[in-house]
Amino acid sequence: MTVTNPTSKAPSISVSIVSSNDREDLYAELCYGDTQFGEIALAEDKSKFILKIYILPDMSVLEFDAIEFSASINEAINRLKRLEGLTT
């Protein structure tokens, strides 16, 4: 049984732009609460942005074109809105 405290605020997703000594590029860290779950960086050939999502606990990496991923999420939301009658 899971008990939640209704007055506690749920963690949120945060974005931090990072420059690191062990990398030449800038990248955006994606965190949920205190846990980094992914990053977005410009591809080496500078043709697109790459989204990497880290799968816990073994830190496997899923890698996507960030623009395509964003478009897929927007498409899913729009389809669900239409199916639920929420289209304006």
PDB file of N, CA and C in Angstrom:
ATOM      1  N   MET A   1       0.847  -1.176   0.000  1.00  0.00           N
ATOM      2  CA  MET A   1       0.000   0.000   0.000  1.00  0.00           C
ATOM      3  C   MET A   1       0.886   1.230   0.000  1.00  0.00           C
ATOM      4  N   THR A   2       0.587   2.180  -0.893  1.00  0.00           N
ATOM      5  CA  THR A   2       1.345   3.417  -0.972  1.00  0.00           C
ATOM      6  C   THR A   2       0.516   4.542  -0.371  1.00  0.00           C
ATOM      7  N   VAL A   3       1.114   5.253   0.535  1.00  0.00           N
ATOM      8  CA  VAL A   3       0.444   6.392   1.148  1.00  0.00           C
ATOM      9  C   VAL A   3       1.180   7.646   0.718  1.00  0.00           C
ATOM     10  N   THR A   4       0.451   8.605   0.183  1.00  0.00           N
ATOM     11  CA  THR A   4       1.073   9.856  -0.217  1.00  0.00           C
ATOM     12  C   THR A   4       0.591  10.980   0.671  1.00  0.00           C
ATOM     13  N   ASN A   5       1.415  11.974   0.835  1.00  0.00           N
ATOM     14  CA  ASN A   5       1.058  13.144   1.611  1.00  0.00           C
ATOM     15  C   ASN A   5       0.445  14.159   0.653  1.00  0.00           C
ATOM     16  N   PRO A   6      -0.855  14.424   0.761  1.00  0.00           N
ATOM     17  CA  PRO A   6      -1.505  15.315  -0.198  1.00  0.00           C
ATOM     18  C   PRO A   6      -0.992  16.749  -0.138  1.00  0.00           C
ATOM     19  N   THR A   7      -0.319  17.132   0.926  1.00  0.00           N
ATOM     20  CA  THR A   7       0.168  18.504   1.034  1.00  0.00           C
ATOM     21  C   THR A   7       1.584  18.649   0.496  1.00  0.00           C
ATOM     22  N   SER A   8       2.256  17.519   0.210  1.00  0.00           N
ATOM     23  CA  SER A   8       3.614  17.630  -0.313  1.00  0.00           C
ATOM     24  C   SER A   8       3.569  17.887  -1.815  1.00  0.00           C
ATOM     25  N   LYS A   9       4.476  18.717  -2.286  1.00  0.00           N
ATOM     26  CA  LYS A   9       4.536  19.054  -3.698  1.00  0.00           C
ATOM     27  C   LYS A   9       5.295  17.964  -4.452  1.00  0.00           C
ATOM     28  N   ALA A  10       4.744  17.533  -5.570  1.00  0.00           N
ATOM     29  CA  ALA A  10       5.402  16.520  -6.401  1.00  0.00           C
ATOM     30  C   ALA A  10       6.636  17.123  -7.048  1.00  0.00           C
ATOM     31  N   PRO A  11       7.662  16.300  -7.281  1.00  0.00           N
ATOM     32  CA  PRO A  11       8.841  16.811  -7.985  1.00  0.00           C
ATOM     33  C   PRO A  11       8.446  17.311  -9.372  1.00  0.00           C
ATOM     34  N   SER A  12       9.225  18.231  -9.892  1.00  0.00           N
ATOM     35  CA  SER A  12       8.950  18.736 -11.228  1.00  0.00           C
ATOM     36  C   SER A  12      10.153  18.487 -12.129  1.00  0.00           C
ATOM     37  N   ILE A  13       9.924  18.621 -13.405  1.00  0.00           N
ATOM     38  CA  ILE A  13      11.010  18.477 -14.367  1.00  0.00           C
ATOM     39  C   ILE A  13      11.729  19.818 -14.465  1.00  0.00           C
ATOM     40  N   SER A  14      13.055  19.774 -14.384  1.00  0.00           N
ATOM     41  CA  SER A  14      13.845  20.990 -14.512  1.00  0.00           C
ATOM     42  C   SER A  14      14.873  20.812 -15.617  1.00  0.00           C
ATOM     43  N   VAL A  15      15.306  21.935 -16.174  1.00  0.00           N
ATOM     44  CA  VAL A  15      16.296  21.948 -17.246  1.00  0.00           C
ATOM     45  C   VAL A  15      17.436  22.859 -16.823  1.00  0.00           C
ATOM     46  N   SER A  16      18.652  22.343 -16.938  1.00  0.00           N
ATOM     47  CA  SER A  16      19.852  23.132 -16.637  1.00  0.00           C
ATOM     48  C   SER A  16      20.790  23.054 -17.829  1.00  0.00           C
ATOM     49  N   ILE A  17      21.278  24.200 -18.285  1.00  0.00           N
ATOM     50  CA  ILE A  17      22.266  24.224 -19.362  1.00  0.00           C
ATOM     51  C   ILE A  17      23.637  24.052 -18.722  1.00  0.00           C
ATOM     52  N   VAL A  18      24.397  23.083 -19.237  1.00  0.00           N
ATOM     53  CA  VAL A  18      25.629  22.658 -18.580  1.00  0.00           C
ATOM     54  C   VAL A  18      26.806  22.723 -19.544  1.00  0.00           C
ATOM     55  N   SER A  19      27.945  23.117 -19.003  1.00  0.00           N
ATOM     56  CA  SER A  19      29.224  23.037 -19.693  1.00  0.00           C
ATOM     57  C   SER A  19      30.123  22.206 -18.796  1.00  0.00           C
ATOM     58  N   SER A  20      30.761  21.201 -19.373  1.00  0.00           N
ATOM     59  CA  SER A  20      31.550  20.271 -18.569  1.00  0.00           C
ATOM     60  C   SER A  20      32.979  20.215 -19.079  1.00  0.00           C
ATOM     61  N   ASN A  21      33.933  19.984 -18.170  1.00  0.00           N
ATOM     62  CA  ASN A  21      35.344  19.865 -18.559  1.00  0.00           C
ATOM     63  C   ASN A  21      35.607  18.635 -19.423  1.00  0.00           C
ATOM     64  N   ASP A  22      34.809  17.580 -19.254  1.00  0.00           N
ATOM     65  CA  ASP A  22      35.053  16.358 -20.018  1.00  0.00           C
ATOM     66  C   ASP A  22      34.275  16.313 -21.336  1.00  0.00           C
ATOM     67  N   ARG A  23      33.569  17.406 -21.671  1.00  0.00           N
ATOM     68  CA  ARG A  23      32.845  17.499 -22.943  1.00  0.00           C
ATOM     69  C   ARG A  23      33.109  18.859 -23.575  1.00  0.00           C
ATOM     70  N   GLU A  24      33.104  18.899 -24.890  1.00  0.00           N
ATOM     71  CA  GLU A  24      33.341  20.157 -25.592  1.00  0.00           C
ATOM     72  C   GLU A  24      32.064  20.947 -25.833  1.00  0.00           C
ATOM     73  N   ASP A  25      30.927  20.283 -25.766  1.00  0.00           N
ATOM     74  CA  ASP A  25      29.668  20.932 -26.115  1.00  0.00           C
ATOM     75  C   ASP A  25      28.874  21.380 -24.897  1.00  0.00           C
ATOM     76  N   LEU A  26      27.957  22.303 -25.125  1.00  0.00           N
ATOM     77  CA  LEU A  26      26.950  22.634 -24.125  1.00  0.00           C
ATOM     78  C   LEU A  26      25.831  21.613 -24.262  1.00  0.00           C
ATOM     79  N   TYR A  27      25.175  21.325 -23.169  1.00  0.00           N
ATOM     80  CA  TYR A  27      24.021  20.427 -23.238  1.00  0.00           C
ATOM     81  C   TYR A  27      23.041  20.795 -22.141  1.00  0.00           C
ATOM     82  N   ALA A  28      21.817  20.341 -22.290  1.00  0.00           N
ATOM     83  CA  ALA A  28      20.766  20.597 -21.308  1.00  0.00           C
ATOM     84  C   ALA A  28      20.514  19.319 -20.519  1.00  0.00           C
ATOM     85  N   GLU A  29      20.696  19.389 -19.217  1.00  0.00           N
ATOM     86  CA  GLU A  29      20.363  18.254 -18.345  1.00  0.00           C
ATOM     87  C   GLU A  29      18.879  18.306 -18.027  1.00  0.00           C
ATOM     88  N   LEU A  30      18.221  17.162 -18.099  1.00  0.00           N
ATOM     89  CA  LEU A  30      16.812  17.029 -17.749  1.00  0.00           C
ATOM     90  C   LEU A  30      16.728  16.272 -16.437  1.00  0.00           C
ATOM     91  N   CYS A  31      16.115  16.889 -15.444  1.00  0.00           N
ATOM     92  CA  CYS A  31      16.024  16.265 -14.123  1.00  0.00           C
ATOM     93  C   CYS A  31      14.577  16.215 -13.664  1.00  0.00           C
ATOM     94  N   TYR A  32      14.264  15.160 -12.935  1.00  0.00           N
ATOM     95  CA  TYR A  32      12.982  15.037 -12.259  1.00  0.00           C
ATOM     96  C   TYR A  32      13.302  15.020 -10.779  1.00  0.00           C
ATOM     97  N   GLY A  33      12.965  16.100 -10.098  1.00  0.00           N
ATOM     98  CA  GLY A  33      13.417  16.239  -8.720  1.00  0.00           C
ATOM     99  C   GLY A  33      14.933  16.328  -8.721  1.00  0.00           C
ATOM    100  N   ASP A  34      15.587  15.458  -7.967  1.00  0.00           N
ATOM    101  CA  ASP A  34      17.050  15.439  -7.889  1.00  0.00           C
ATOM    102  C   ASP A  34      17.692  14.422  -8.827  1.00  0.00           C
ATOM    103  N   THR A  35      16.911  13.758  -9.669  1.00  0.00           N
ATOM    104  CA  THR A  35      17.431  12.687 -10.508  1.00  0.00           C
ATOM    105  C   THR A  35      17.526  13.130 -11.966  1.00  0.00           C
ATOM    106  N   GLN A  36      18.740  13.088 -12.526  1.00  0.00           N
ATOM    107  CA  GLN A  36      18.891  13.377 -13.945  1.00  0.00           C
ATOM    108  C   GLN A  36      18.404  12.162 -14.721  1.00  0.00           C
ATOM    109  N   PHE A  37      17.460  12.396 -15.639  1.00  0.00           N
ATOM    110  CA  PHE A  37      16.926  11.292 -16.427  1.00  0.00           C
ATOM    111  C   PHE A  37      17.247  11.421 -17.912  1.00  0.00           C
ATOM    112  N   GLY A  38      17.894  12.524 -18.292  1.00  0.00           N
ATOM    113  CA  GLY A  38      18.220  12.668 -19.698  1.00  0.00           C
ATOM    114  C   GLY A  38      18.986  13.934 -19.987  1.00  0.00           C
ATOM    115  N   GLU A  39      19.261  14.122 -21.283  1.00  0.00           N
ATOM    116  CA  GLU A  39      19.939  15.333 -21.735  1.00  0.00           C
ATOM    117  C   GLU A  39      19.607  15.587 -23.196  1.00  0.00           C
ATOM    118  N   ILE A  40      19.769  16.835 -23.604  1.00  0.00           N
ATOM    119  CA  ILE A  40      19.611  17.231 -24.997  1.00  0.00           C
ATOM    120  C   ILE A  40      20.885  17.959 -25.405  1.00  0.00           C
ATOM    121  N   ALA A  41      21.435  17.578 -26.554  1.00  0.00           N
ATOM    122  CA  ALA A  41      22.648  18.218 -27.062  1.00  0.00           C
ATOM    123  C   ALA A  41      22.598  18.260 -28.578  1.00  0.00           C
ATOM    124  N   LEU A  42      23.346  19.184 -29.149  1.00  0.00           N
ATOM    125  CA  LEU A  42      23.467  19.281 -30.587  1.00  0.00           C
ATOM    126  C   LEU A  42      24.317  18.121 -31.089  1.00  0.00           C
ATOM    127  N   ALA A  43      23.869  17.472 -32.161  1.00  0.00           N
ATOM    128  CA  ALA A  43      24.629  16.367 -32.747  1.00  0.00           C
ATOM    129  C   ALA A  43      25.993  16.875 -33.212  1.00  0.00           C
ATOM    130  N   GLU A  44      26.958  15.970 -33.286  1.00  0.00           N
ATOM    131  CA  GLU A  44      28.316  16.350 -33.689  1.00  0.00           C
ATOM    132  C   GLU A  44      28.339  17.064 -35.033  1.00  0.00           C
ATOM    133  N   ASP A  45      27.495  16.635 -35.976  1.00  0.00           N
ATOM    134  CA  ASP A  45      27.464  17.282 -37.285  1.00  0.00           C
ATOM    135  C   ASP A  45      26.579  18.531 -37.304  1.00  0.00           C
ATOM    136  N   LYS A  46      26.039  18.888 -36.139  1.00  0.00           N
ATOM    137  CA  LYS A  46      25.214  20.082 -35.946  1.00  0.00           C
ATOM    138  C   LYS A  46      23.950  20.092 -36.814  1.00  0.00           C
ATOM    139  N   SER A  47      23.481  18.903 -37.210  1.00  0.00           N
ATOM    140  CA  SER A  47      22.308  18.805 -38.079  1.00  0.00           C
ATOM    141  C   SER A  47      21.003  18.689 -37.303  1.00  0.00           C
ATOM    142  N   LYS A  48      21.090  18.285 -36.043  1.00  0.00           N
ATOM    143  CA  LYS A  48      19.877  18.092 -35.244  1.00  0.00           C
ATOM    144  C   LYS A  48      20.253  18.040 -33.768  1.00  0.00           C
ATOM    145  N   PHE A  49      19.233  18.141 -32.927  1.00  0.00           N
ATOM    146  CA  PHE A  49      19.420  17.966 -31.488  1.00  0.00           C
ATOM    147  C   PHE A  49      19.084  16.530 -31.122  1.00  0.00           C
ATOM    148  N   ILE A  50      19.875  15.951 -30.246  1.00  0.00           N
ATOM    149  CA  ILE A  50      19.693  14.572 -29.809  1.00  0.00           C
ATOM    150  C   ILE A  50      19.181  14.570 -28.373  1.00  0.00           C
ATOM    151  N   LEU A  51      18.114  13.831 -28.143  1.00  0.00           N
ATOM    152  CA  LEU A  51      17.570  13.621 -26.808  1.00  0.00           C
ATOM    153  C   LEU A  51      18.022  12.253 -26.331  1.00  0.00           C
ATOM    154  N   LYS A  52      18.659  12.205 -25.179  1.00  0.00           N
ATOM    155  CA  LYS A  52      19.044  10.934 -24.559  1.00  0.00           C
ATOM    156  C   LYS A  52      18.243  10.791 -23.270  1.00  0.00           C
ATOM    157  N   ILE A  53      17.610   9.625 -23.116  1.00  0.00           N
ATOM    158  CA  ILE A  53      16.855   9.318 -21.895  1.00  0.00           C
ATOM    159  C   ILE A  53      17.548   8.157 -21.219  1.00  0.00           C
ATOM    160  N   TYR A  54      17.892   8.329 -19.945  1.00  0.00           N
ATOM    161  CA  TYR A  54      18.594   7.299 -19.185  1.00  0.00           C
ATOM    162  C   TYR A  54      17.571   6.416 -18.483  1.00  0.00           C
ATOM    163  N   ILE A  55      17.701   5.106 -18.669  1.00  0.00           N
ATOM    164  CA  ILE A  55      16.793   4.144 -18.060  1.00  0.00           C
ATOM    165  C   ILE A  55      17.457   3.607 -16.794  1.00  0.00           C
ATOM    166  N   LEU A  56      16.842   3.854 -15.672  1.00  0.00           N
ATOM    167  CA  LEU A  56      17.368   3.374 -14.398  1.00  0.00           C
ATOM    168  C   LEU A  56      16.957   1.933 -14.192  1.00  0.00           C
ATOM    169  N   PRO A  57      17.627   1.104 -13.451  1.00  0.00           N
ATOM    170  CA  PRO A  57      18.785   1.421 -12.620  1.00  0.00           C
ATOM    171  C   PRO A  57      20.128   1.251 -13.327  1.00  0.00           C
ATOM    172  N   ASP A  58      20.139   0.619 -14.512  1.00  0.00           N
ATOM    173  CA  ASP A  58      21.434   0.334 -15.133  1.00  0.00           C
ATOM    174  C   ASP A  58      21.930   1.447 -16.042  1.00  0.00           C
ATOM    175  N   MET A  59      21.185   2.546 -16.149  1.00  0.00           N
ATOM    176  CA  MET A  59      21.550   3.716 -16.940  1.00  0.00           C
ATOM    177  C   MET A  59      21.708   3.404 -18.431  1.00  0.00           C
ATOM    178  N   SER A  60      20.894   2.459 -18.939  1.00  0.00           N
ATOM    179  CA  SER A  60      20.825   2.262 -20.385  1.00  0.00           C
ATOM    180  C   SER A  60      20.366   3.579 -21.003  1.00  0.00           C
ATOM    181  N   VAL A  61      20.687   3.801 -22.260  1.00  0.00           N
ATOM    182  CA  VAL A  61      20.354   5.069 -22.897  1.00  0.00           C
ATOM    183  C   VAL A  61      19.457   4.830 -24.107  1.00  0.00           C
ATOM    184  N   LEU A  62      18.338   5.559 -24.156  1.00  0.00           N
ATOM    185  CA  LEU A  62      17.499   5.631 -25.347  1.00  0.00           C
ATOM    186  C   LEU A  62      17.847   6.955 -26.020  1.00  0.00           C
ATOM    187  N   GLU A  63      18.053   6.952 -27.328  1.00  0.00           N
ATOM    188  CA  GLU A  63      18.468   8.162 -28.029  1.00  0.00           C
ATOM    189  C   GLU A  63      17.495   8.463 -29.156  1.00  0.00           C
ATOM    190  N   PHE A  64      17.034   9.733 -29.225  1.00  0.00           N
ATOM    191  CA  PHE A  64      16.044  10.168 -30.201  1.00  0.00           C
ATOM    192  C   PHE A  64      16.445  11.505 -30.787  1.00  0.00           C
ATOM    193  N   ASP A  65      15.930  11.808 -31.995  1.00  0.00           N
ATOM    194  CA  ASP A  65      15.984  13.162 -32.521  1.00  0.00           C
ATOM    195  C   ASP A  65      15.008  13.978 -31.660  1.00  0.00           C
ATOM    196  N   ALA A  66      15.496  15.024 -31.015  1.00  0.00           N
ATOM    197  CA  ALA A  66      14.684  15.779 -30.048  1.00  0.00           C
ATOM    198  C   ALA A  66      13.469  16.436 -30.699  1.00  0.00           C
ATOM    199  N   ILE A  67      13.617  16.969 -31.910  1.00  0.00           N
ATOM    200  CA  ILE A  67      12.495  17.624 -32.583  1.00  0.00           C
ATOM    201  C   ILE A  67      11.420  16.597 -32.938  1.00  0.00           C
ATOM    202  N   GLU A  68      11.832  15.438 -33.458  1.00  0.00           N
ATOM    203  CA  GLU A  68      10.868  14.381 -33.774  1.00  0.00           C
ATOM    204  C   GLU A  68      10.167  13.885 -32.513  1.00  0.00           C
ATOM    205  N   PHE A  69      10.916  13.753 -31.418  1.00  0.00           N
ATOM    206  CA  PHE A  69      10.338  13.300 -30.159  1.00  0.00           C
ATOM    207  C   PHE A  69       9.287  14.295 -29.671  1.00  0.00           C
ATOM    208  N   SER A  70       9.638  15.582 -29.728  1.00  0.00           N
ATOM    209  CA  SER A  70       8.705  16.628 -29.315  1.00  0.00           C
ATOM    210  C   SER A  70       7.451  16.614 -30.186  1.00  0.00           C
ATOM    211  N   ALA A  71       7.627  16.453 -31.490  1.00  0.00           N
ATOM    212  CA  ALA A  71       6.481  16.393 -32.403  1.00  0.00           C
ATOM    213  C   ALA A  71       5.602  15.183 -32.093  1.00  0.00           C
ATOM    214  N   SER A  72       6.224  14.050 -31.755  1.00  0.00           N
ATOM    215  CA  SER A  72       5.458  12.847 -31.412  1.00  0.00           C
ATOM    216  C   SER A  72       4.635  13.053 -30.147  1.00  0.00           C
ATOM    217  N   ILE A  73       5.222  13.703 -29.163  1.00  0.00           N
ATOM    218  CA  ILE A  73       4.485  13.987 -27.922  1.00  0.00           C
ATOM    219  C   ILE A  73       3.310  14.913 -28.220  1.00  0.00           C
ATOM    220  N   ASN A  74       3.542  15.968 -29.004  1.00  0.00           N
ATOM    221  CA  ASN A  74       2.458  16.889 -29.350  1.00  0.00           C
ATOM    222  C   ASN A  74       1.363  16.186 -30.140  1.00  0.00           C
ATOM    223  N   GLU A  75       1.757  15.307 -31.066  1.00  0.00           N
ATOM    224  CA  GLU A  75       0.769  14.549 -31.830  1.00  0.00           C
ATOM    225  C   GLU A  75      -0.065  13.658 -30.904  1.00  0.00           C
ATOM    226  N   ALA A  76       0.588  12.986 -29.973  1.00  0.00           N
ATOM    227  CA  ALA A  76      -0.128  12.112 -29.029  1.00  0.00           C
ATOM    228  C   ALA A  76      -1.124  12.913 -28.194  1.00  0.00           C
ATOM    229  N   ILE A  77      -0.700  14.068 -27.706  1.00  0.00           N
ATOM    230  CA  ILE A  77      -1.592  14.916 -26.901  1.00  0.00           C
ATOM    231  C   ILE A  77      -2.779  15.370 -27.732  1.00  0.00           C
ATOM    232  N   ASN A  78      -2.511  15.817 -28.962  1.00  0.00           N
ATOM    233  CA  ASN A  78      -3.606  16.284 -29.825  1.00  0.00           C
ATOM    234  C   ASN A  78      -4.588  15.168 -30.157  1.00  0.00           C
ATOM    235  N   ARG A  79      -4.087  13.965 -30.428  1.00  0.00           N
ATOM    236  CA  ARG A  79      -4.976  12.835 -30.705  1.00  0.00           C
ATOM    237  C   ARG A  79      -5.836  12.502 -29.491  1.00  0.00           C
ATOM    238  N   LEU A  80      -5.206  12.482 -28.313  1.00  0.00           N
ATOM    239  CA  LEU A  80      -5.956  12.180 -27.092  1.00  0.00           C
ATOM    240  C   LEU A  80      -7.009  13.265 -26.832  1.00  0.00           C
ATOM    241  N   LYS A  81      -6.661  14.513 -27.053  1.00  0.00           N
ATOM    242  CA  LYS A  81      -7.625  15.597 -26.879  1.00  0.00           C
ATOM    243  C   LYS A  81      -8.835  15.391 -27.786  1.00  0.00           C
ATOM    244  N   ARG A  82      -8.563  15.061 -29.066  1.00  0.00           N
ATOM    245  CA  ARG A  82      -9.670  14.839 -30.010  1.00  0.00           C
ATOM    246  C   ARG A  82     -10.543  13.677 -29.555  1.00  0.00           C
ATOM    247  N   LEU A  83      -9.916  12.571 -29.166  1.00  0.00           N
ATOM    248  CA  LEU A  83     -10.663  11.380 -28.742  1.00  0.00           C
ATOM    249  C   LEU A  83     -11.459  11.635 -27.463  1.00  0.00           C
ATOM    250  N   GLU A  84     -10.946  12.497 -26.613  1.00  0.00           N
ATOM    251  CA  GLU A  84     -11.622  12.812 -25.358  1.00  0.00           C
ATOM    252  C   GLU A  84     -12.589  13.993 -25.501  1.00  0.00           C
ATOM    253  N   GLY A  85     -12.708  14.531 -26.724  1.00  0.00           N
ATOM    254  CA  GLY A  85     -13.620  15.658 -26.951  1.00  0.00           C
ATOM    255  C   GLY A  85     -13.122  16.959 -26.367  1.00  0.00           C
ATOM    256  N   LEU A  86     -11.818  17.117 -26.243  1.00  0.00           N
ATOM    257  CA  LEU A  86     -11.258  18.324 -25.646  1.00  0.00           C
ATOM    258  C   LEU A  86     -10.728  19.314 -26.678  1.00  0.00           C
ATOM    259  N   THR A  87     -10.959  19.039 -27.956  1.00  0.00           N
ATOM    260  CA  THR A  87     -10.486  19.931 -29.008  1.00  0.00           C
ATOM    261  C   THR A  87     -11.291  21.208 -28.974  1.00  0.00           C
ATOM    262  N   THR A  88     -10.562  22.312 -29.126  1.00  0.00           N
ATOM    263  CA  THR A  88     -11.285  23.611 -29.106  1.00  0.00           C
ATOM    264  C   THR A  88     -11.460  24.143 -30.497  1.00  0.00           C
TER     265      THR A  88
END
